[in-house]
């Protein structure tokens, strides 16, 4: 990602806090990123070869602290423990 202190896309589609206090950012074209509080940086949640989360439309945190991501390719649940979709 180059400079991991910056978000790689300016079109932010969603911003939520996960159950561990980390910020999760959905960017259109830059994918879904999670903050690393110790390093004050961002990293991609999932490297996805078929780009299913590269263009999220919106993101929602449920009452059960689940993070749901809506894309053109479907609805995805972010697994905060395994850091995968």
N, C-alpha and C. Protein backbone atom coordinates (compact mmCIF):
# COMPACT_ATOMS: atom_id res chain seq x y z
N UNK A 1 0.83 -1.18 0.00
CA UNK A 1 0.00 0.00 0.00
C UNK A 1 0.87 1.24 0.00
N UNK A 2 2.15 1.12 0.11
CA UNK A 2 3.00 2.31 0.13
C UNK A 2 3.05 2.90 1.51
N UNK A 3 2.47 4.07 1.67
CA UNK A 3 2.42 4.74 2.96
C UNK A 3 1.21 4.24 3.72
N UNK A 4 1.41 3.33 4.68
CA UNK A 4 0.29 2.72 5.39
C UNK A 4 -0.33 3.62 6.45
N UNK A 5 0.15 4.85 6.57
CA UNK A 5 -0.48 5.81 7.48
C UNK A 5 -1.60 6.57 6.79
N UNK A 6 -1.72 6.38 5.48
CA UNK A 6 -2.77 7.04 4.71
C UNK A 6 -3.78 6.02 4.20
N UNK A 7 -5.00 6.47 4.02
CA UNK A 7 -6.04 5.64 3.43
C UNK A 7 -5.88 5.76 1.92
N UNK A 8 -5.83 4.62 1.19
CA UNK A 8 -5.48 4.64 -0.23
C UNK A 8 -6.53 5.19 -1.20
N UNK A 9 -7.69 5.54 -0.72
CA UNK A 9 -8.74 6.08 -1.58
C UNK A 9 -9.50 7.16 -0.81
N UNK A 10 -9.96 8.16 -1.53
CA UNK A 10 -10.62 9.29 -0.85
C UNK A 10 -12.13 9.12 -0.74
N UNK A 11 -12.71 8.17 -1.46
CA UNK A 11 -14.16 7.95 -1.43
C UNK A 11 -14.48 6.95 -0.32
N UNK A 12 -14.77 7.45 0.87
CA UNK A 12 -15.04 6.60 2.04
C UNK A 12 -16.53 6.28 2.09
N UNK A 13 -16.84 4.98 2.08
CA UNK A 13 -18.23 4.52 2.07
C UNK A 13 -18.74 4.10 3.44
N UNK A 14 -17.85 3.89 4.38
CA UNK A 14 -18.27 3.49 5.71
C UNK A 14 -17.13 3.60 6.69
N UNK A 15 -17.48 3.88 7.94
CA UNK A 15 -16.50 4.04 9.00
C UNK A 15 -17.14 3.56 10.29
N UNK A 16 -16.61 2.48 10.88
CA UNK A 16 -17.15 1.93 12.12
C UNK A 16 -16.02 1.52 13.05
N UNK A 17 -16.34 1.37 14.31
CA UNK A 17 -15.40 0.86 15.30
C UNK A 17 -15.73 -0.60 15.56
N UNK A 18 -14.72 -1.49 15.49
CA UNK A 18 -14.99 -2.91 15.74
C UNK A 18 -15.02 -3.18 17.24
N UNK A 19 -15.25 -4.42 17.61
CA UNK A 19 -15.39 -4.80 19.03
C UNK A 19 -14.08 -4.69 19.80
N UNK A 20 -12.96 -4.49 19.10
CA UNK A 20 -11.65 -4.34 19.74
C UNK A 20 -11.20 -2.89 19.79
N UNK A 21 -12.08 -1.97 19.39
CA UNK A 21 -11.76 -0.55 19.43
C UNK A 21 -10.97 -0.05 18.23
N UNK A 22 -10.83 -0.89 17.19
CA UNK A 22 -10.12 -0.49 15.98
C UNK A 22 -11.11 0.12 14.99
N UNK A 23 -10.64 1.07 14.21
CA UNK A 23 -11.48 1.70 13.20
C UNK A 23 -11.41 0.87 11.92
N UNK A 24 -12.57 0.59 11.35
CA UNK A 24 -12.66 -0.12 10.07
C UNK A 24 -13.21 0.87 9.06
N UNK A 25 -12.52 1.01 7.92
CA UNK A 25 -12.87 1.98 6.89
C UNK A 25 -13.16 1.23 5.60
N UNK A 26 -14.31 1.51 4.99
CA UNK A 26 -14.65 0.96 3.68
C UNK A 26 -14.42 2.06 2.66
N UNK A 27 -13.51 1.83 1.71
CA UNK A 27 -13.21 2.82 0.69
C UNK A 27 -13.55 2.26 -0.68
N UNK A 28 -14.11 3.08 -1.53
CA UNK A 28 -14.47 2.68 -2.88
C UNK A 28 -13.22 2.69 -3.74
N UNK A 29 -12.74 1.50 -4.09
CA UNK A 29 -11.54 1.36 -4.90
C UNK A 29 -10.31 1.00 -4.08
N UNK A 30 -10.34 1.24 -2.78
CA UNK A 30 -9.20 0.92 -1.92
C UNK A 30 -9.46 -0.25 -1.01
N UNK A 31 -10.68 -0.78 -1.03
CA UNK A 31 -11.01 -1.93 -0.21
C UNK A 31 -11.38 -1.56 1.22
N UNK A 32 -11.36 -2.56 2.08
CA UNK A 32 -11.71 -2.40 3.49
C UNK A 32 -10.43 -2.45 4.30
N UNK A 33 -10.24 -1.45 5.16
CA UNK A 33 -9.01 -1.33 5.95
C UNK A 33 -9.34 -1.30 7.42
N UNK A 34 -8.36 -1.72 8.23
CA UNK A 34 -8.53 -1.67 9.68
C UNK A 34 -7.33 -0.92 10.26
N UNK A 35 -7.61 -0.11 11.27
CA UNK A 35 -6.53 0.64 11.91
C UNK A 35 -5.72 -0.26 12.82
N UNK A 36 -4.44 0.05 12.93
CA UNK A 36 -3.54 -0.61 13.87
C UNK A 36 -3.20 0.47 14.90
N UNK A 37 -3.77 0.37 16.08
CA UNK A 37 -3.64 1.43 17.08
C UNK A 37 -2.21 1.61 17.56
N UNK A 38 -1.44 0.52 17.62
CA UNK A 38 -0.06 0.63 18.10
C UNK A 38 0.84 1.34 17.08
N UNK A 39 0.62 1.07 15.80
CA UNK A 39 1.47 1.63 14.75
C UNK A 39 0.87 2.87 14.10
N UNK A 40 -0.31 3.27 14.53
CA UNK A 40 -1.06 4.37 13.90
C UNK A 40 -1.03 4.25 12.38
N UNK A 41 -1.45 3.07 11.90
CA UNK A 41 -1.46 2.81 10.47
C UNK A 41 -2.72 2.04 10.10
N UNK A 42 -2.90 1.80 8.80
CA UNK A 42 -4.04 1.03 8.29
C UNK A 42 -3.51 -0.14 7.48
N UNK A 43 -4.24 -1.25 7.51
CA UNK A 43 -3.90 -2.40 6.67
C UNK A 43 -5.19 -2.97 6.10
N UNK A 44 -5.08 -3.59 4.92
CA UNK A 44 -6.26 -4.19 4.30
C UNK A 44 -6.75 -5.34 5.16
N UNK A 45 -8.06 -5.45 5.27
CA UNK A 45 -8.66 -6.53 6.06
C UNK A 45 -8.44 -7.86 5.37
N UNK A 46 -8.64 -7.90 4.08
CA UNK A 46 -8.48 -9.15 3.33
C UNK A 46 -7.93 -8.84 1.96
N UNK A 47 -6.84 -9.48 1.62
CA UNK A 47 -6.35 -9.41 0.25
C UNK A 47 -7.24 -10.34 -0.54
N UNK A 48 -7.93 -9.82 -1.50
CA UNK A 48 -8.96 -10.58 -2.19
C UNK A 48 -8.67 -10.64 -3.68
N UNK A 49 -8.34 -11.81 -4.17
CA UNK A 49 -7.96 -11.96 -5.57
C UNK A 49 -9.11 -11.68 -6.53
N UNK A 50 -10.36 -11.90 -6.11
CA UNK A 50 -11.47 -11.61 -7.02
C UNK A 50 -12.12 -10.27 -6.71
N UNK A 51 -11.49 -9.48 -5.89
CA UNK A 51 -11.90 -8.09 -5.61
C UNK A 51 -13.33 -7.96 -5.08
N UNK A 52 -13.78 -8.93 -4.31
CA UNK A 52 -15.16 -8.87 -3.83
C UNK A 52 -15.41 -7.71 -2.87
N UNK A 53 -14.36 -7.22 -2.21
CA UNK A 53 -14.57 -6.10 -1.28
C UNK A 53 -13.82 -4.85 -1.70
N UNK A 54 -13.33 -4.80 -2.92
CA UNK A 54 -12.58 -3.62 -3.38
C UNK A 54 -13.49 -2.41 -3.55
N UNK A 55 -14.75 -2.65 -3.88
CA UNK A 55 -15.69 -1.55 -4.11
C UNK A 55 -16.93 -1.67 -3.21
N UNK A 56 -16.76 -1.48 -1.91
CA UNK A 56 -17.92 -1.55 -1.01
C UNK A 56 -18.87 -0.38 -1.24
N UNK A 57 -20.14 -0.65 -1.06
CA UNK A 57 -21.16 0.41 -1.19
C UNK A 57 -21.47 1.01 0.16
N UNK A 58 -21.53 0.17 1.19
CA UNK A 58 -21.74 0.66 2.55
C UNK A 58 -21.33 -0.40 3.55
N UNK A 59 -21.24 0.03 4.81
CA UNK A 59 -20.82 -0.86 5.89
C UNK A 59 -21.70 -0.56 7.10
N UNK A 60 -21.99 -1.60 7.88
CA UNK A 60 -22.88 -1.43 9.04
C UNK A 60 -22.39 -2.31 10.19
N UNK A 61 -22.43 -1.76 11.41
CA UNK A 61 -22.14 -2.55 12.61
C UNK A 61 -23.46 -2.85 13.29
N UNK A 62 -23.73 -4.13 13.48
CA UNK A 62 -25.01 -4.56 14.07
C UNK A 62 -24.98 -4.40 15.59
N UNK A 63 -26.14 -4.63 16.20
CA UNK A 63 -26.25 -4.58 17.65
C UNK A 63 -25.40 -5.66 18.33
N UNK A 64 -25.05 -6.70 17.57
CA UNK A 64 -24.21 -7.79 18.08
C UNK A 64 -22.72 -7.54 17.77
N UNK A 65 -22.40 -6.31 17.33
CA UNK A 65 -21.03 -5.90 16.97
C UNK A 65 -20.48 -6.61 15.74
N UNK A 66 -21.36 -7.15 14.90
CA UNK A 66 -20.94 -7.73 13.63
C UNK A 66 -20.80 -6.61 12.61
N UNK A 67 -19.79 -6.70 11.78
CA UNK A 67 -19.60 -5.69 10.74
C UNK A 67 -19.96 -6.31 9.40
N UNK A 68 -20.99 -5.74 8.77
CA UNK A 68 -21.50 -6.21 7.50
C UNK A 68 -21.07 -5.23 6.41
N UNK A 69 -20.63 -5.77 5.28
CA UNK A 69 -20.16 -4.96 4.16
C UNK A 69 -20.99 -5.31 2.93
N UNK A 70 -21.59 -4.30 2.32
CA UNK A 70 -22.39 -4.48 1.11
C UNK A 70 -21.55 -4.07 -0.09
N UNK A 71 -21.44 -4.97 -1.07
CA UNK A 71 -20.69 -4.68 -2.30
C UNK A 71 -21.56 -5.04 -3.50
N UNK A 72 -21.05 -4.74 -4.68
CA UNK A 72 -21.75 -5.15 -5.90
C UNK A 72 -21.78 -6.67 -6.02
N UNK A 73 -20.89 -7.35 -5.32
CA UNK A 73 -20.78 -8.81 -5.39
C UNK A 73 -21.45 -9.54 -4.23
N UNK A 74 -22.21 -8.83 -3.41
CA UNK A 74 -22.92 -9.50 -2.34
C UNK A 74 -22.74 -8.84 -0.98
N UNK A 75 -23.18 -9.56 0.03
CA UNK A 75 -23.14 -9.12 1.42
C UNK A 75 -22.10 -9.96 2.14
N UNK A 76 -21.17 -9.31 2.85
CA UNK A 76 -20.06 -10.01 3.51
C UNK A 76 -20.01 -9.68 4.98
N UNK A 77 -19.69 -10.66 5.79
CA UNK A 77 -19.55 -10.50 7.23
C UNK A 77 -18.06 -10.50 7.56
N UNK A 78 -17.60 -9.46 8.23
CA UNK A 78 -16.20 -9.35 8.63
C UNK A 78 -16.00 -10.12 9.93
N UNK A 79 -15.07 -11.06 9.93
CA UNK A 79 -14.74 -11.83 11.11
C UNK A 79 -13.60 -11.11 11.84
N UNK A 80 -13.91 -10.43 12.93
CA UNK A 80 -12.92 -9.62 13.65
C UNK A 80 -11.86 -10.47 14.33
N UNK A 81 -12.20 -11.68 14.71
CA UNK A 81 -11.22 -12.55 15.38
C UNK A 81 -10.18 -13.08 14.41
N UNK A 82 -10.63 -13.54 13.25
CA UNK A 82 -9.69 -14.10 12.26
C UNK A 82 -9.24 -13.05 11.25
N UNK A 83 -9.82 -11.86 11.34
CA UNK A 83 -9.52 -10.76 10.43
C UNK A 83 -9.69 -11.18 8.98
N UNK A 84 -10.84 -11.77 8.69
CA UNK A 84 -11.14 -12.22 7.33
C UNK A 84 -12.63 -12.04 7.05
N UNK A 85 -13.00 -12.30 5.80
CA UNK A 85 -14.41 -12.20 5.41
C UNK A 85 -15.00 -13.58 5.31
